[in-house]
């Protein structure tokens, strides 16, 4: 089964609106054109669909997602308006992906750029992991660890320590997939029962410069998406993932 992740679209109500380095809507369409070539069984959008809090931006997002011949799911980023997202899709906490389940976490703090789960969401995650019969994937907007860019790391998941404490009480999850950082990241978090792979996805809009102390855009990097190939059974193989960059005309 093939899952594809896209993230950080930052769409405006006006399709012609520009970002720092390009046109978010044109790039969104171009990325989804390329995604379709890889024939996903499911698509995941890990937040920041909208840039301007407009319903029209979600209309543009949903219109292009509807072109794909597969189910899709999204979760909110710090820029999103969950009430508008719910007009197009009811939020899901767990999605079945063949031999693997995926848990969708909401890390949004309304009005803030950083992420936070808090006691209620952490308790819900603990309950989901307790009833899991197979190691799930976890999807979230904010990364639960540092990615090496000081300014981004200051805006990550502020209760990451509590998040890892919950995960440490269970068998390791299969992998964590997040957005927010506008760059490809592949790393691991060591836990008492084993390591957990953590992957971040490029943006479909602007890319951030890796390793930067202050805000910086990587003008030379192209938008992209992440391919996630799942094993045929829970006991047969690991999750395989890679990033695809999309050339722009």
C-alpha atoms as a PDB file:
ATOM      1  CA  UNK A   1       0.000   0.000   0.000  1.00  0.00           C
ATOM      2  CA  UNK A   2       1.306   3.438  -0.940  1.00  0.00           C
ATOM      3  CA  UNK A   3       0.645   6.553   1.128  1.00  0.00           C
ATOM      4  CA  UNK A   4       1.812   9.947  -0.120  1.00  0.00           C
ATOM      5  CA  UNK A   5       2.339  12.918   2.180  1.00  0.00           C
ATOM      6  CA  UNK A   6       2.121  16.560   1.126  1.00  0.00           C
ATOM      7  CA  UNK A   7       2.377  19.489   3.488  1.00  0.00           C
ATOM      8  CA  UNK A   8       2.416  23.246   4.039  1.00  0.00           C
ATOM      9  CA  UNK A   9       0.516  24.368   0.950  1.00  0.00           C
ATOM     10  CA  UNK A  10      -0.190  27.918   2.265  1.00  0.00           C
ATOM     11  CA  UNK A  11      -2.932  28.596  -0.265  1.00  0.00           C
ATOM     12  CA  UNK A  12      -4.678  31.959  -0.615  1.00  0.00           C
ATOM     13  CA  UNK A  13      -8.228  32.710  -1.703  1.00  0.00           C
ATOM     14  CA  UNK A  14      -6.800  34.231  -4.889  1.00  0.00           C
ATOM     15  CA  UNK A  15      -5.142  31.594  -7.104  1.00  0.00           C
ATOM     16  CA  UNK A  16      -2.743  34.213  -8.476  1.00  0.00           C
ATOM     17  CA  UNK A  17      -1.424  35.239  -5.031  1.00  0.00           C
ATOM     18  CA  UNK A  18       2.319  34.853  -4.584  1.00  0.00           C
ATOM     19  CA  UNK A  19       4.514  33.597  -1.752  1.00  0.00           C
ATOM     20  CA  UNK A  20       8.142  34.594  -1.144  1.00  0.00           C
ATOM     21  CA  UNK A  21       9.464  32.492  -4.026  1.00  0.00           C
ATOM     22  CA  UNK A  22       6.538  31.485  -6.216  1.00  0.00           C
ATOM     23  CA  UNK A  23       2.824  30.874  -6.643  1.00  0.00           C
ATOM     24  CA  UNK A  24       1.472  28.475  -3.965  1.00  0.00           C
ATOM     25  CA  UNK A  25      -1.614  27.420  -5.915  1.00  0.00           C
ATOM     26  CA  UNK A  26       0.284  26.756  -9.155  1.00  0.00           C
ATOM     27  CA  UNK A  27       2.847  24.736  -7.213  1.00  0.00           C
ATOM     28  CA  UNK A  28       0.071  22.861  -5.364  1.00  0.00           C
ATOM     29  CA  UNK A  29      -1.440  21.811  -8.690  1.00  0.00           C
ATOM     30  CA  UNK A  30       1.954  20.890 -10.126  1.00  0.00           C
ATOM     31  CA  UNK A  31       2.840  18.745  -7.101  1.00  0.00           C
ATOM     32  CA  UNK A  32      -0.495  16.917  -7.207  1.00  0.00           C
ATOM     33  CA  UNK A  33      -0.014  16.263 -10.929  1.00  0.00           C
ATOM     34  CA  UNK A  34       3.253  14.550 -10.063  1.00  0.00           C
ATOM     35  CA  UNK A  35       1.721  12.736  -7.078  1.00  0.00           C
ATOM     36  CA  UNK A  36      -0.896  11.185  -9.368  1.00  0.00           C
ATOM     37  CA  UNK A  37       1.879   9.594 -11.435  1.00  0.00           C
ATOM     38  CA  UNK A  38       2.892   7.512  -8.413  1.00  0.00           C
ATOM     39  CA  UNK A  39      -0.625   6.059  -8.015  1.00  0.00           C
ATOM     40  CA  UNK A  40      -1.132   6.517  -4.263  1.00  0.00           C
ATOM     41  CA  UNK A  41      -3.662   4.430  -2.383  1.00  0.00           C
ATOM     42  CA  UNK A  42      -4.111   7.298   0.060  1.00  0.00           C
ATOM     43  CA  UNK A  43      -2.935  10.892   0.457  1.00  0.00           C
ATOM     44  CA  UNK A  44      -2.153  12.743   3.694  1.00  0.00           C
ATOM     45  CA  UNK A  45      -1.866  16.534   4.088  1.00  0.00           C
ATOM     46  CA  UNK A  46       0.022  17.404   7.285  1.00  0.00           C
ATOM     47  CA  UNK A  47      -1.278  20.910   7.833  1.00  0.00           C
ATOM     48  CA  UNK A  48      -0.968  24.559   6.861  1.00  0.00           C
ATOM     49  CA  UNK A  49      -3.344  24.141   3.964  1.00  0.00           C
ATOM     50  CA  UNK A  50      -4.368  27.809   4.128  1.00  0.00           C
ATOM     51  CA  UNK A  51      -2.303  30.965   4.434  1.00  0.00           C
ATOM     52  CA  UNK A  52      -5.081  33.567   4.713  1.00  0.00           C
ATOM     53  CA  UNK A  53      -7.747  31.792   6.849  1.00  0.00           C
ATOM     54  CA  UNK A  54     -10.215  31.921   3.945  1.00  0.00           C
ATOM     55  CA  UNK A  55     -12.819  29.338   3.020  1.00  0.00           C
ATOM     56  CA  UNK A  56     -11.860  29.892  -0.611  1.00  0.00           C
ATOM     57  CA  UNK A  57      -8.335  28.609   0.066  1.00  0.00           C
ATOM     58  CA  UNK A  58      -9.797  25.308   1.291  1.00  0.00           C
ATOM     59  CA  UNK A  59     -12.069  25.187  -1.755  1.00  0.00           C
ATOM     60  CA  UNK A  60      -8.957  25.354  -3.949  1.00  0.00           C
ATOM     61  CA  UNK A  61      -7.265  22.660  -1.889  1.00  0.00           C
ATOM     62  CA  UNK A  62     -10.250  20.301  -1.956  1.00  0.00           C
ATOM     63  CA  UNK A  63     -10.881  20.874  -5.659  1.00  0.00           C
ATOM     64  CA  UNK A  64      -7.416  19.633  -6.581  1.00  0.00           C
ATOM     65  CA  UNK A  65      -7.446  16.780  -4.046  1.00  0.00           C
ATOM     66  CA  UNK A  66     -10.685  15.560  -5.615  1.00  0.00           C
ATOM     67  CA  UNK A  67      -8.790  14.948  -8.857  1.00  0.00           C
ATOM     68  CA  UNK A  68      -6.828  12.134  -7.227  1.00  0.00           C
ATOM     69  CA  UNK A  69      -8.315   8.673  -7.502  1.00  0.00           C
ATOM     70  CA  UNK A  70      -7.732   7.851  -3.832  1.00  0.00           C
ATOM     71  CA  UNK A  71      -9.007   8.818  -0.363  1.00  0.00           C
ATOM     72  CA  UNK A  72      -7.283  11.758   1.331  1.00  0.00           C
ATOM     73  CA  UNK A  73      -7.042  13.074   4.874  1.00  0.00           C
ATOM     74  CA  UNK A  74      -5.752  16.267   6.420  1.00  0.00           C
ATOM     75  CA  UNK A  75      -4.922  17.606   9.841  1.00  0.00           C
ATOM     76  CA  UNK A  76      -4.514  21.225  10.980  1.00  0.00           C
ATOM     77  CA  UNK A  77      -1.291  23.207  11.110  1.00  0.00           C
ATOM     78  CA  UNK A  78      -0.712  26.448  12.948  1.00  0.00           C
ATOM     79  CA  UNK A  79      -2.070  28.478  10.012  1.00  0.00           C
ATOM     80  CA  UNK A  80      -5.297  26.500   9.618  1.00  0.00           C
ATOM     81  CA  UNK A  81      -8.928  27.057  10.641  1.00  0.00           C
ATOM     82  CA  UNK A  82     -10.290  23.661  11.782  1.00  0.00           C
ATOM     83  CA  UNK A  83     -13.912  24.840  11.551  1.00  0.00           C
ATOM     84  CA  UNK A  84     -13.416  25.498   7.829  1.00  0.00           C
ATOM     85  CA  UNK A  85     -11.584  22.221   7.304  1.00  0.00           C
ATOM     86  CA  UNK A  86     -14.515  20.357   8.861  1.00  0.00           C
ATOM     87  CA  UNK A  87     -16.810  21.711   6.153  1.00  0.00           C
ATOM     88  CA  UNK A  88     -14.968  19.476   3.690  1.00  0.00           C
ATOM     89  CA  UNK A  89     -13.982  16.503   5.854  1.00  0.00           C
ATOM     90  CA  UNK A  90     -14.795  15.295   9.355  1.00  0.00           C
ATOM     91  CA  UNK A  91     -11.587  15.067  11.429  1.00  0.00           C
ATOM     92  CA  UNK A  92     -10.243  11.537  11.851  1.00  0.00           C
ATOM     93  CA  UNK A  93      -8.194  10.297  14.818  1.00  0.00           C
ATOM     94  CA  UNK A  94      -7.312   6.917  13.274  1.00  0.00           C
ATOM     95  CA  UNK A  95      -7.208   5.725   9.676  1.00  0.00           C
ATOM     96  CA  UNK A  96      -6.725   2.118   8.562  1.00  0.00           C
ATOM     97  CA  UNK A  97      -3.973   1.655   5.976  1.00  0.00           C
ATOM     98  CA  UNK A  98      -4.091  -2.007   5.131  1.00  0.00           C
ATOM     99  CA  UNK A  99      -1.688  -3.741   7.530  1.00  0.00           C
ATOM    100  CA  UNK A 100      -0.921  -0.503   9.416  1.00  0.00           C
ATOM    101  CA  UNK A 101      -3.040   2.108  11.186  1.00  0.00           C
ATOM    102  CA  UNK A 102      -2.288   5.830  11.186  1.00  0.00           C
ATOM    103  CA  UNK A 103      -3.018   8.123  14.136  1.00  0.00           C
ATOM    104  CA  UNK A 104      -3.691  11.759  13.212  1.00  0.00           C
ATOM    105  CA  UNK A 105      -2.730  14.222  15.962  1.00  0.00           C
ATOM    106  CA  UNK A 106      -3.816  17.832  16.274  1.00  0.00           C
ATOM    107  CA  UNK A 107      -0.876  19.894  17.582  1.00  0.00           C
ATOM    108  CA  UNK A 108      -2.403  23.285  16.816  1.00  0.00           C
ATOM    109  CA  UNK A 109      -2.392  26.137  19.339  1.00  0.00           C
ATOM    110  CA  UNK A 110      -4.863  28.720  18.077  1.00  0.00           C
ATOM    111  CA  UNK A 111      -3.107  32.012  17.391  1.00  0.00           C
ATOM    112  CA  UNK A 112       0.411  30.641  17.901  1.00  0.00           C
ATOM    113  CA  UNK A 113       3.091  29.215  15.618  1.00  0.00           C
ATOM    114  CA  UNK A 114       4.370  26.553  18.019  1.00  0.00           C
ATOM    115  CA  UNK A 115       2.651  23.235  18.648  1.00  0.00           C
ATOM    116  CA  UNK A 116       1.220  21.738  21.828  1.00  0.00           C
ATOM    117  CA  UNK A 117      -0.718  18.567  22.555  1.00  0.00           C
ATOM    118  CA  UNK A 118      -1.648  19.106  26.201  1.00  0.00           C
ATOM    119  CA  UNK A 119      -2.955  16.611  28.768  1.00  0.00           C
ATOM    120  CA  UNK A 120      -6.214  15.708  26.991  1.00  0.00           C
ATOM    121  CA  UNK A 121      -4.654  14.995  23.610  1.00  0.00           C
ATOM    122  CA  UNK A 122      -1.780  13.115  25.210  1.00  0.00           C
ATOM    123  CA  UNK A 123      -4.235  10.995  27.196  1.00  0.00           C
ATOM    124  CA  UNK A 124      -6.150  10.249  23.997  1.00  0.00           C
ATOM    125  CA  UNK A 125      -2.901   9.237  22.282  1.00  0.00           C
ATOM    126  CA  UNK A 126      -2.036   6.957  25.208  1.00  0.00           C
ATOM    127  CA  UNK A 127      -5.464   5.322  24.928  1.00  0.00           C
ATOM    128  CA  UNK A 128      -5.101   4.816  21.169  1.00  0.00           C
ATOM    129  CA  UNK A 129      -1.676   3.226  21.595  1.00  0.00           C
ATOM    130  CA  UNK A 130      -2.997   0.985  24.380  1.00  0.00           C
ATOM    131  CA  UNK A 131      -5.652  -0.499  22.127  1.00  0.00           C
ATOM    132  CA  UNK A 132      -3.412  -0.817  19.058  1.00  0.00           C
ATOM    133  CA  UNK A 133      -2.859  -4.401  17.984  1.00  0.00           C
ATOM    134  CA  UNK A 134      -0.167  -3.350  15.516  1.00  0.00           C
ATOM    135  CA  UNK A 135       2.466  -0.600  15.515  1.00  0.00           C
ATOM    136  CA  UNK A 136       0.768   2.467  13.999  1.00  0.00           C
ATOM    137  CA  UNK A 137       2.084   5.410  12.043  1.00  0.00           C
ATOM    138  CA  UNK A 138       1.711   8.816  13.695  1.00  0.00           C
ATOM    139  CA  UNK A 139       0.990  11.952  11.658  1.00  0.00           C
ATOM    140  CA  UNK A 140       1.226  15.486  13.047  1.00  0.00           C
ATOM    141  CA  UNK A 141       2.034  18.995  11.908  1.00  0.00           C
ATOM    142  CA  UNK A 142       4.736  20.079  14.357  1.00  0.00           C
ATOM    143  CA  UNK A 143       7.894  17.960  14.633  1.00  0.00           C
ATOM    144  CA  UNK A 144       8.389  16.338  18.042  1.00  0.00           C
ATOM    145  CA  UNK A 145      12.164  16.910  18.017  1.00  0.00           C
ATOM    146  CA  UNK A 146      14.746  19.448  16.859  1.00  0.00           C
ATOM    147  CA  UNK A 147      15.578  19.546  13.150  1.00  0.00           C
ATOM    148  CA  UNK A 148      18.715  21.703  13.385  1.00  0.00           C
ATOM    149  CA  UNK A 149      17.308  25.125  12.451  1.00  0.00           C
ATOM    150  CA  UNK A 150      17.269  27.264  15.600  1.00  0.00           C
ATOM    151  CA  UNK A 151      14.320  29.441  14.640  1.00  0.00           C
ATOM    152  CA  UNK A 152      12.177  26.470  13.594  1.00  0.00           C
ATOM    153  CA  UNK A 153      13.112  24.458  16.651  1.00  0.00           C
ATOM    154  CA  UNK A 154      11.851  27.319  18.834  1.00  0.00           C
ATOM    155  CA  UNK A 155       8.443  26.867  17.143  1.00  0.00           C
ATOM    156  CA  UNK A 156       8.186  23.093  17.378  1.00  0.00           C
ATOM    157  CA  UNK A 157       6.171  20.901  19.739  1.00  0.00           C
ATOM    158  CA  UNK A 158       6.654  22.523  23.151  1.00  0.00           C
ATOM    159  CA  UNK A 159       5.549  19.440  25.095  1.00  0.00           C
ATOM    160  CA  UNK A 160       7.683  17.051  23.066  1.00  0.00           C
ATOM    161  CA  UNK A 161       9.127  15.524  26.252  1.00  0.00           C
ATOM    162  CA  UNK A 162       5.633  14.559  27.423  1.00  0.00           C
ATOM    163  CA  UNK A 163       4.846  13.190  23.948  1.00  0.00           C
ATOM    164  CA  UNK A 164       7.890  10.910  24.040  1.00  0.00           C
ATOM    165  CA  UNK A 165       7.010   9.792  27.569  1.00  0.00           C
ATOM    166  CA  UNK A 166       3.673   8.534  26.269  1.00  0.00           C
ATOM    167  CA  UNK A 167       5.320   6.712  23.367  1.00  0.00           C
ATOM    168  CA  UNK A 168       7.969   5.202  25.658  1.00  0.00           C
ATOM    169  CA  UNK A 169       5.255   3.375  27.608  1.00  0.00           C
ATOM    170  CA  UNK A 170       4.270   1.357  24.525  1.00  0.00           C
ATOM    171  CA  UNK A 171       5.885  -0.674  21.809  1.00  0.00           C
ATOM    172  CA  UNK A 172       7.557   1.677  19.284  1.00  0.00           C
ATOM    173  CA  UNK A 173       5.311   3.178  16.628  1.00  0.00           C
ATOM    174  CA  UNK A 174       6.219   2.329  13.042  1.00  0.00           C
ATOM    175  CA  UNK A 175       7.163   5.924  12.119  1.00  0.00           C
ATOM    176  CA  UNK A 176       6.205   9.563  12.649  1.00  0.00           C
ATOM    177  CA  UNK A 177       5.451  11.901   9.750  1.00  0.00           C
ATOM    178  CA  UNK A 178       5.206  15.669  10.212  1.00  0.00           C
ATOM    179  CA  UNK A 179       5.291  18.987   8.365  1.00  0.00           C
ATOM    180  CA  UNK A 180       5.880  22.591   9.521  1.00  0.00           C
ATOM    181  CA  UNK A 181       9.588  22.721   8.687  1.00  0.00           C
ATOM    182  CA  UNK A 182       9.320  23.120   4.881  1.00  0.00           C
ATOM    183  CA  UNK A 183      12.252  20.760   4.296  1.00  0.00           C
ATOM    184  CA  UNK A 184      13.018  17.058   4.142  1.00  0.00           C
ATOM    185  CA  UNK A 185      14.147  15.553   7.446  1.00  0.00           C
ATOM    186  CA  UNK A 186      14.911  11.892   8.184  1.00  0.00           C
ATOM    187  CA  UNK A 187      16.009  11.122  11.721  1.00  0.00           C
ATOM    188  CA  UNK A 188      15.325   8.804  14.660  1.00  0.00           C
ATOM    189  CA  UNK A 189      14.385   9.106  18.318  1.00  0.00           C
ATOM    190  CA  UNK A 190      15.788   6.538  20.719  1.00  0.00           C
ATOM    191  CA  UNK A 191      13.323   5.091  23.237  1.00  0.00           C
ATOM    192  CA  UNK A 192      13.825   2.311  25.819  1.00  0.00           C
ATOM    193  CA  UNK A 193      12.052  -0.254  23.638  1.00  0.00           C
ATOM    194  CA  UNK A 194      13.613   0.795  20.338  1.00  0.00           C
ATOM    195  CA  UNK A 195      14.146   3.654  17.913  1.00  0.00           C
ATOM    196  CA  UNK A 196      11.318   5.546  16.220  1.00  0.00           C
ATOM    197  CA  UNK A 197      11.886   6.950  12.689  1.00  0.00           C
ATOM    198  CA  UNK A 198      10.802  10.592  12.321  1.00  0.00           C
ATOM    199  CA  UNK A 199      10.303  12.117   8.877  1.00  0.00           C
ATOM    200  CA  UNK A 200       9.402  15.649   7.808  1.00  0.00           C
ATOM    201  CA  UNK A 201       8.131  16.624   4.381  1.00  0.00           C
ATOM    202  CA  UNK A 202       9.036  19.465   2.021  1.00  0.00           C
ATOM    203  CA  UNK A 203       6.427  22.134   1.421  1.00  0.00           C
ATOM    204  CA  UNK A 204       4.427  22.348  -1.779  1.00  0.00           C
ATOM    205  CA  UNK A 205       5.109  26.101  -1.501  1.00  0.00           C
ATOM    206  CA  UNK A 206       8.319  27.809  -0.240  1.00  0.00           C
ATOM    207  CA  UNK A 207      11.217  25.772   1.178  1.00  0.00           C
ATOM    208  CA  UNK A 208      13.130  26.765   4.320  1.00  0.00           C
ATOM    209  CA  UNK A 209      16.927  26.705   4.400  1.00  0.00           C
ATOM    210  CA  UNK A 210      18.173  23.735   6.469  1.00  0.00           C
ATOM    211  CA  UNK A 211      20.507  24.484   9.359  1.00  0.00           C
ATOM    212  CA  UNK A 212      19.665  28.186   9.552  1.00  0.00           C
ATOM    213  CA  UNK A 213      19.818  30.109  12.834  1.00  0.00           C
ATOM    214  CA  UNK A 214      17.289  32.748  11.695  1.00  0.00           C
ATOM    215  CA  UNK A 215      14.422  32.627   9.202  1.00  0.00           C
ATOM    216  CA  UNK A 216      15.741  31.862   5.719  1.00  0.00           C
ATOM    217  CA  UNK A 217      14.132  30.617   2.524  1.00  0.00           C
ATOM    218  CA  UNK A 218      15.925  28.109   0.323  1.00  0.00           C
ATOM    219  CA  UNK A 219      15.183  29.732  -3.015  1.00  0.00           C
ATOM    220  CA  UNK A 220      16.979  26.998  -4.949  1.00  0.00           C
ATOM    221  CA  UNK A 221      14.994  24.091  -3.511  1.00  0.00           C
ATOM    222  CA  UNK A 222      11.984  22.779  -5.367  1.00  0.00           C
ATOM    223  CA  UNK A 223       8.626  21.800  -3.825  1.00  0.00           C
ATOM    224  CA  UNK A 224       8.153  18.166  -3.059  1.00  0.00           C
ATOM    225  CA  UNK A 225       6.247  15.335  -1.413  1.00  0.00           C
ATOM    226  CA  UNK A 226       7.000  12.143   0.482  1.00  0.00           C
ATOM    227  CA  UNK A 227       6.237   8.622  -0.718  1.00  0.00           C
ATOM    228  CA  UNK A 228       5.511   6.129   2.074  1.00  0.00           C
ATOM    229  CA  UNK A 229       5.369   2.480   1.045  1.00  0.00           C
ATOM    230  CA  UNK A 230       3.820   0.257   3.701  1.00  0.00           C
ATOM    231  CA  UNK A 231       4.681  -3.397   4.318  1.00  0.00           C
ATOM    232  CA  UNK A 232       2.246  -6.092   3.116  1.00  0.00           C
ATOM    233  CA  UNK A 233       1.648  -7.212   6.719  1.00  0.00           C
ATOM    234  CA  UNK A 234       2.344  -5.895  10.204  1.00  0.00           C
ATOM    235  CA  UNK A 235       5.040  -8.556  10.693  1.00  0.00           C
ATOM    236  CA  UNK A 236       6.564  -8.386   7.228  1.00  0.00           C
ATOM    237  CA  UNK A 237       9.037  -5.578   6.635  1.00  0.00           C
ATOM    238  CA  UNK A 238       9.388  -1.934   7.638  1.00  0.00           C
ATOM    239  CA  UNK A 239       7.926   1.279   6.291  1.00  0.00           C
ATOM    240  CA  UNK A 240       9.912   2.580   3.317  1.00  0.00           C
ATOM    241  CA  UNK A 241       9.935   6.284   2.500  1.00  0.00           C
ATOM    242  CA  UNK A 242      11.595   8.752   0.167  1.00  0.00           C
ATOM    243  CA  UNK A 243      11.153  12.367  -0.958  1.00  0.00           C
ATOM    244  CA  UNK A 244      10.382  13.413  -4.520  1.00  0.00           C
ATOM    245  CA  UNK A 245      11.157  16.956  -5.647  1.00  0.00           C
ATOM    246  CA  UNK A 246       8.998  18.504  -8.361  1.00  0.00           C
ATOM    247  CA  UNK A 247      10.560  20.662 -11.101  1.00  0.00           C
ATOM    248  CA  UNK A 248       8.689  23.827 -11.989  1.00  0.00           C
ATOM    249  CA  UNK A 249       8.285  25.063 -15.560  1.00  0.00           C
END
